[in-house]
Every structure is written in C-alpha cells, then in structure tokens.
C-alpha cells in the first residue's frame, strides 16, 4: 500500500504545467539594441563624471597639503629668526634640568636647534 502512494506522487510530478502567456509582447530586437547602447552611453558619462570629481578632490587635497606644508616651513623659519641666542654661564644647572623643563623655559641646547 505504501508503494501505491509513492507511485501516485510520481505520476503527479510528470504532469506538465501549462505555459503562462507573457504579460507584454517582446519588443523588436533593434529597440533592445538601442536601449543597450543608451545604457552603455549613460554608464560612460557617469564614469567620466565620477573620475572628474575624484581628480578635482585629489587636486584640492594636494593643494591643501602644500599650503599646510608651506605654512609650517614659514612658521619654523620665523621661529628661527626670532630666536635669541645667549651664552649661559651656569651650564651645570641647565644640564641637570630635564628636556621637558628646558623646553618649558624655552632653553635649547645647540644640538636641539639644528634639528
């Protein structure tokens, strides 16, 4: 009896489904080709514009980096020009100070100035 049930399932599977009518007619091949080419042109335009935007952004960032670098150089140069060099008599006391305290007191050794 269990064999008969399996056999009925197999027969039910063999029935073919009826084909469904397409909801809209297929268009002529030339219109699909035109659509394809139009889509391709759109993608080309989009890629070109995005590349142009990326290039502009890169140029702006490079310009900003160069401006920052120039400002830092100017600042260093101005600090060097405005720096006063004095001969310190009490060298032992200065050497005992830590570099942090020397920097806070704006006292620099010669080897620190050349960096």
N, C-alpha and C. Protein backbone atom coordinates (compact mmCIF):
# COMPACT_ATOMS: atom_id res chain seq x y z
N UNK A 1 0.82 -1.20 0.00
CA UNK A 1 0.00 0.00 0.00
C UNK A 1 0.86 1.26 0.00
N UNK A 2 1.91 1.23 0.75
CA UNK A 2 2.77 2.42 0.74
C UNK A 2 3.40 2.60 -0.63
N UNK A 3 3.62 1.55 -1.35
CA UNK A 3 4.17 1.63 -2.69
C UNK A 3 3.22 2.33 -3.64
N UNK A 4 1.90 2.12 -3.48
CA UNK A 4 0.91 2.77 -4.35
C UNK A 4 0.90 4.28 -4.17
N UNK A 5 1.07 4.73 -2.94
CA UNK A 5 1.08 6.18 -2.68
C UNK A 5 2.27 6.83 -3.35
N UNK A 6 3.43 6.19 -3.27
CA UNK A 6 4.63 6.73 -3.91
C UNK A 6 4.45 6.78 -5.41
N UNK A 7 3.80 5.78 -5.95
CA UNK A 7 3.58 5.71 -7.39
C UNK A 7 2.68 6.85 -7.86
N UNK A 8 1.68 7.19 -7.08
CA UNK A 8 0.77 8.28 -7.43
C UNK A 8 1.50 9.62 -7.41
N UNK A 9 2.43 9.79 -6.46
CA UNK A 9 3.19 11.03 -6.39
C UNK A 9 4.05 11.19 -7.62
N UNK A 10 4.63 10.10 -8.06
CA UNK A 10 5.48 10.16 -9.25
C UNK A 10 4.65 10.54 -10.48
N UNK A 11 3.48 9.98 -10.58
CA UNK A 11 2.62 10.32 -11.73
C UNK A 11 2.20 11.78 -11.67
N UNK A 12 1.95 12.29 -10.49
CA UNK A 12 1.54 13.68 -10.36
C UNK A 12 2.67 14.61 -10.78
N UNK A 13 3.89 14.22 -10.55
CA UNK A 13 5.02 15.04 -10.92
C UNK A 13 5.20 15.11 -12.42
N UNK A 14 4.80 14.08 -13.11
CA UNK A 14 5.03 14.04 -14.54
C UNK A 14 4.08 14.93 -15.33
N UNK A 15 3.05 15.43 -14.69
CA UNK A 15 2.12 16.31 -15.39
C UNK A 15 2.84 17.62 -15.73
N UNK A 16 2.64 18.06 -16.96
CA UNK A 16 3.30 19.28 -17.39
C UNK A 16 2.46 20.49 -17.01
N UNK A 17 3.17 21.57 -16.71
CA UNK A 17 2.48 22.80 -16.37
C UNK A 17 2.13 23.53 -17.65
N UNK A 18 1.02 24.20 -17.61
CA UNK A 18 0.63 24.98 -18.79
C UNK A 18 1.47 26.24 -18.84
N UNK A 19 1.85 26.65 -20.04
CA UNK A 19 2.67 27.84 -20.18
C UNK A 19 1.81 29.07 -19.96
N UNK A 20 2.41 30.01 -19.28
CA UNK A 20 1.72 31.25 -18.98
C UNK A 20 1.96 32.23 -20.13
N UNK A 21 0.95 32.95 -20.51
CA UNK A 21 1.10 33.92 -21.59
C UNK A 21 1.93 35.09 -21.08
N UNK A 22 2.87 35.63 -21.89
CA UNK A 22 3.68 36.76 -21.43
C UNK A 22 2.81 37.98 -21.16
N UNK A 23 3.18 38.71 -20.11
CA UNK A 23 2.37 39.86 -19.72
C UNK A 23 2.47 40.98 -20.73
N UNK A 24 3.58 41.04 -21.46
CA UNK A 24 3.70 42.05 -22.52
C UNK A 24 4.45 41.43 -23.69
N UNK A 25 4.24 41.97 -24.83
CA UNK A 25 4.87 41.43 -26.03
C UNK A 25 6.36 41.75 -26.04
N UNK A 26 7.15 40.85 -26.61
CA UNK A 26 8.58 41.11 -26.78
C UNK A 26 8.76 42.18 -27.84
N UNK A 27 9.67 43.10 -27.56
CA UNK A 27 9.86 44.21 -28.49
C UNK A 27 10.83 43.79 -29.59
N UNK A 28 10.90 44.59 -30.60
CA UNK A 28 11.78 44.31 -31.72
C UNK A 28 13.23 44.37 -31.24
N UNK A 29 14.09 43.57 -31.84
CA UNK A 29 15.48 43.48 -31.40
C UNK A 29 16.22 44.81 -31.48
N UNK A 30 15.89 45.64 -32.47
CA UNK A 30 16.58 46.92 -32.64
C UNK A 30 16.34 47.84 -31.44
N UNK A 31 15.13 47.82 -30.89
CA UNK A 31 14.87 48.69 -29.74
C UNK A 31 15.68 48.22 -28.53
N UNK A 32 15.84 46.92 -28.36
CA UNK A 32 16.66 46.44 -27.24
C UNK A 32 18.11 46.83 -27.46
N UNK A 33 18.58 46.79 -28.70
CA UNK A 33 19.96 47.21 -29.00
C UNK A 33 20.13 48.70 -28.71
N UNK A 34 19.11 49.49 -29.09
CA UNK A 34 19.18 50.92 -28.81
C UNK A 34 19.21 51.19 -27.31
N UNK A 35 18.39 50.44 -26.59
CA UNK A 35 18.38 50.60 -25.13
C UNK A 35 19.73 50.24 -24.54
N UNK A 36 20.29 49.16 -25.05
CA UNK A 36 21.59 48.70 -24.57
C UNK A 36 22.66 49.77 -24.81
N UNK A 37 22.66 50.34 -26.00
CA UNK A 37 23.65 51.36 -26.33
C UNK A 37 23.43 52.63 -25.51
N UNK A 38 22.16 52.97 -25.28
CA UNK A 38 21.83 54.14 -24.48
C UNK A 38 22.34 53.94 -23.04
N UNK A 39 22.10 52.76 -22.52
CA UNK A 39 22.57 52.43 -21.17
C UNK A 39 24.09 52.49 -21.09
N UNK A 40 24.75 51.98 -22.12
CA UNK A 40 26.21 52.00 -22.16
C UNK A 40 26.73 53.44 -22.18
N UNK A 41 26.07 54.29 -22.96
CA UNK A 41 26.46 55.71 -23.01
C UNK A 41 26.28 56.38 -21.65
N UNK A 42 25.17 56.06 -20.99
CA UNK A 42 24.93 56.62 -19.66
C UNK A 42 26.04 56.21 -18.70
N UNK A 43 26.40 54.93 -18.72
CA UNK A 43 27.45 54.45 -17.83
C UNK A 43 28.78 55.13 -18.13
N UNK A 44 29.08 55.33 -19.42
CA UNK A 44 30.32 56.02 -19.79
C UNK A 44 30.33 57.43 -19.24
N UNK A 45 29.20 58.14 -19.39
CA UNK A 45 29.11 59.50 -18.88
C UNK A 45 29.28 59.54 -17.36
N UNK A 46 28.64 58.59 -16.68
CA UNK A 46 28.73 58.53 -15.22
C UNK A 46 30.17 58.28 -14.79
N UNK A 47 30.83 57.34 -15.46
CA UNK A 47 32.23 57.04 -15.11
C UNK A 47 33.12 58.26 -15.34
N UNK A 48 32.91 58.94 -16.46
CA UNK A 48 33.73 60.12 -16.77
C UNK A 48 33.52 61.21 -15.71
N UNK A 49 32.27 61.44 -15.33
CA UNK A 49 31.99 62.47 -14.33
C UNK A 49 32.56 62.10 -12.97
N UNK A 50 32.44 60.83 -12.59
CA UNK A 50 32.98 60.42 -11.29
C UNK A 50 34.50 60.53 -11.27
N UNK A 51 35.13 60.20 -12.40
CA UNK A 51 36.59 60.35 -12.49
C UNK A 51 36.98 61.82 -12.37
N UNK A 52 36.22 62.68 -13.04
CA UNK A 52 36.48 64.11 -12.98
C UNK A 52 36.35 64.62 -11.54
N UNK A 53 35.31 64.17 -10.83
CA UNK A 53 35.12 64.57 -9.43
C UNK A 53 36.27 64.10 -8.56
N UNK A 54 36.68 62.83 -8.76
CA UNK A 54 37.80 62.29 -7.98
C UNK A 54 39.07 63.10 -8.21
N UNK A 55 39.32 63.45 -9.48
CA UNK A 55 40.51 64.24 -9.80
C UNK A 55 40.46 65.61 -9.13
N UNK A 56 39.29 66.25 -9.16
CA UNK A 56 39.15 67.55 -8.51
C UNK A 56 39.39 67.46 -7.01
N UNK A 57 38.84 66.42 -6.40
CA UNK A 57 39.02 66.24 -4.95
C UNK A 57 40.49 66.02 -4.63
N UNK A 58 41.16 65.19 -5.44
CA UNK A 58 42.59 64.94 -5.22
C UNK A 58 43.40 66.22 -5.36
N UNK A 59 43.08 67.03 -6.38
CA UNK A 59 43.80 68.29 -6.56
C UNK A 59 43.61 69.21 -5.37
N UNK A 60 42.38 69.29 -4.87
CA UNK A 60 42.11 70.16 -3.72
C UNK A 60 42.88 69.69 -2.49
N UNK A 61 42.89 68.38 -2.25
CA UNK A 61 43.61 67.87 -1.08
C UNK A 61 45.12 68.12 -1.22
N UNK A 62 45.65 67.94 -2.43
CA UNK A 62 47.07 68.21 -2.63
C UNK A 62 47.38 69.68 -2.42
N UNK A 63 46.52 70.55 -2.91
CA UNK A 63 46.71 71.98 -2.71
C UNK A 63 46.71 72.32 -1.23
N UNK A 64 45.77 71.72 -0.49
CA UNK A 64 45.67 71.98 0.95
C UNK A 64 46.93 71.47 1.67
N UNK A 65 47.42 70.29 1.27
CA UNK A 65 48.63 69.74 1.89
C UNK A 65 49.83 70.66 1.63
N UNK A 66 49.95 71.12 0.38
CA UNK A 66 51.06 72.00 0.05
C UNK A 66 50.99 73.31 0.83
N UNK A 67 49.77 73.84 0.98
CA UNK A 67 49.60 75.09 1.74
C UNK A 67 49.98 74.88 3.20
N UNK A 68 49.55 73.76 3.78
CA UNK A 68 49.91 73.47 5.17
C UNK A 68 51.42 73.33 5.33
N UNK A 69 52.03 72.64 4.38
CA UNK A 69 53.47 72.43 4.44
C UNK A 69 54.21 73.76 4.35
N UNK A 70 53.78 74.63 3.42
CA UNK A 70 54.40 75.94 3.28
C UNK A 70 54.23 76.77 4.55
N UNK A 71 53.05 76.70 5.15
CA UNK A 71 52.82 77.44 6.40
C UNK A 71 53.73 76.94 7.52
N UNK A 72 53.88 75.62 7.61
CA UNK A 72 54.76 75.07 8.65
C UNK A 72 56.20 75.51 8.44
N UNK A 73 56.64 75.51 7.18
CA UNK A 73 58.01 75.95 6.87
C UNK A 73 58.19 77.42 7.26
N UNK A 74 57.20 78.24 6.90
CA UNK A 74 57.28 79.66 7.25
C UNK A 74 57.32 79.85 8.76
N UNK A 75 56.52 79.08 9.46
CA UNK A 75 56.47 79.19 10.92
C UNK A 75 57.83 78.82 11.53
N UNK A 76 58.42 77.72 11.03
CA UNK A 76 59.74 77.31 11.54
C UNK A 76 60.78 78.38 11.27
N UNK A 77 60.75 78.92 10.06
CA UNK A 77 61.72 79.95 9.68
C UNK A 77 61.56 81.20 10.55
N UNK A 78 60.32 81.60 10.80
CA UNK A 78 60.06 82.77 11.65
C UNK A 78 60.54 82.53 13.09
N UNK A 79 60.32 81.30 13.57
CA UNK A 79 60.80 80.99 14.92
C UNK A 79 62.31 81.05 14.99
N UNK A 80 62.97 80.56 13.95
CA UNK A 80 64.44 80.60 13.93
C UNK A 80 64.93 82.06 13.93
N UNK A 81 64.26 82.89 13.13
CA UNK A 81 64.68 84.29 13.04
C UNK A 81 64.46 85.04 14.35
N UNK A 82 63.36 84.74 15.02
CA UNK A 82 63.03 85.49 16.24
C UNK A 82 63.73 84.91 17.48
N UNK A 83 64.43 83.80 17.32
CA UNK A 83 65.07 83.18 18.47
C UNK A 83 66.29 83.99 18.91
N UNK A 84 66.43 84.14 20.21
CA UNK A 84 67.56 84.87 20.79
C UNK A 84 68.54 83.84 21.35
N UNK A 85 69.80 83.99 20.98
CA UNK A 85 70.81 83.04 21.47
C UNK A 85 71.66 83.77 22.50
N UNK A 86 71.75 83.16 23.66
CA UNK A 86 72.55 83.74 24.74
C UNK A 86 73.52 82.68 25.25
N UNK A 87 74.63 83.14 25.68
CA UNK A 87 75.60 82.25 26.31
C UNK A 87 75.19 82.12 27.77
N UNK A 88 75.01 80.89 28.23
CA UNK A 88 74.59 80.67 29.61
C UNK A 88 75.82 80.33 30.43
N UNK A 89 75.98 81.02 31.54
CA UNK A 89 77.16 80.83 32.39
C UNK A 89 77.00 79.60 33.27
N UNK A 90 75.78 79.39 33.80
CA UNK A 90 75.55 78.31 34.75
C UNK A 90 75.15 77.04 33.99
N UNK A 91 76.08 76.43 33.30
CA UNK A 91 75.81 75.30 32.44
C UNK A 91 75.43 74.06 33.24
N UNK A 92 76.05 73.88 34.41
CA UNK A 92 75.77 72.69 35.22
C UNK A 92 74.30 72.64 35.64
N UNK A 93 73.76 73.76 36.04
CA UNK A 93 72.36 73.81 36.48
C UNK A 93 71.42 73.52 35.32
N UNK A 94 71.76 74.03 34.14
CA UNK A 94 70.92 73.81 32.95
C UNK A 94 70.97 72.34 32.54
N UNK A 95 72.16 71.74 32.61
CA UNK A 95 72.29 70.34 32.20
C UNK A 95 71.50 69.42 33.12
N UNK A 96 71.33 69.82 34.37
CA UNK A 96 70.58 68.99 35.32
C UNK A 96 69.08 69.00 35.04
N UNK A 97 68.61 70.06 34.36
CA UNK A 97 67.18 70.14 34.05
C UNK A 97 66.83 69.07 33.01
N UNK A 98 65.63 68.55 33.13
CA UNK A 98 65.18 67.57 32.13
C UNK A 98 64.84 68.30 30.84
N UNK A 99 64.85 67.60 29.72
CA UNK A 99 64.50 68.26 28.45
C UNK A 99 63.11 68.91 28.48
N UNK A 100 62.20 68.29 29.20
CA UNK A 100 60.84 68.84 29.29
C UNK A 100 60.87 70.20 29.98
N UNK A 101 61.62 70.30 31.07
CA UNK A 101 61.69 71.57 31.80
C UNK A 101 62.45 72.62 31.00
N UNK A 102 63.49 72.17 30.28
CA UNK A 102 64.24 73.12 29.44
C UNK A 102 63.34 73.69 28.35
N UNK A 103 62.54 72.84 27.71
CA UNK A 103 61.64 73.32 26.66
C UNK A 103 60.61 74.29 27.24
N UNK A 104 60.11 73.99 28.44
CA UNK A 104 59.13 74.87 29.07
C UNK A 104 59.75 76.24 29.36
N UNK A 105 61.04 76.25 29.72
CA UNK A 105 61.73 77.51 29.98
C UNK A 105 62.28 78.12 28.70
N UNK A 106 62.02 77.45 27.56
CA UNK A 106 62.49 77.88 26.24
C UNK A 106 64.01 78.00 26.20
N UNK A 107 64.66 77.01 26.82
CA UNK A 107 66.11 76.91 26.78
C UNK A 107 66.44 75.70 25.93
N UNK A 108 67.20 75.91 24.86
CA UNK A 108 67.51 74.82 23.94
C UNK A 108 69.03 74.66 23.84
N UNK A 109 69.47 73.42 23.75
CA UNK A 109 70.89 73.15 23.53
C UNK A 109 71.16 73.34 22.03
N UNK A 110 72.40 73.52 21.68
CA UNK A 110 72.75 73.76 20.27
C UNK A 110 72.36 72.59 19.39
N UNK A 111 72.56 71.36 19.86
CA UNK A 111 72.21 70.20 19.03
C UNK A 111 70.70 70.09 18.84
N UNK A 112 69.91 70.65 19.75
CA UNK A 112 68.46 70.63 19.58
C UNK A 112 68.00 71.69 18.57
N UNK A 113 68.76 72.74 18.42
CA UNK A 113 68.38 73.80 17.48
C UNK A 113 68.60 73.38 16.04
N UNK A 114 69.54 72.50 15.80
CA UNK A 114 69.90 72.13 14.43
C UNK A 114 68.94 71.13 13.82
N UNK A 115 68.00 70.64 14.57
CA UNK A 115 67.07 69.63 14.04
C UNK A 115 66.11 70.24 13.07
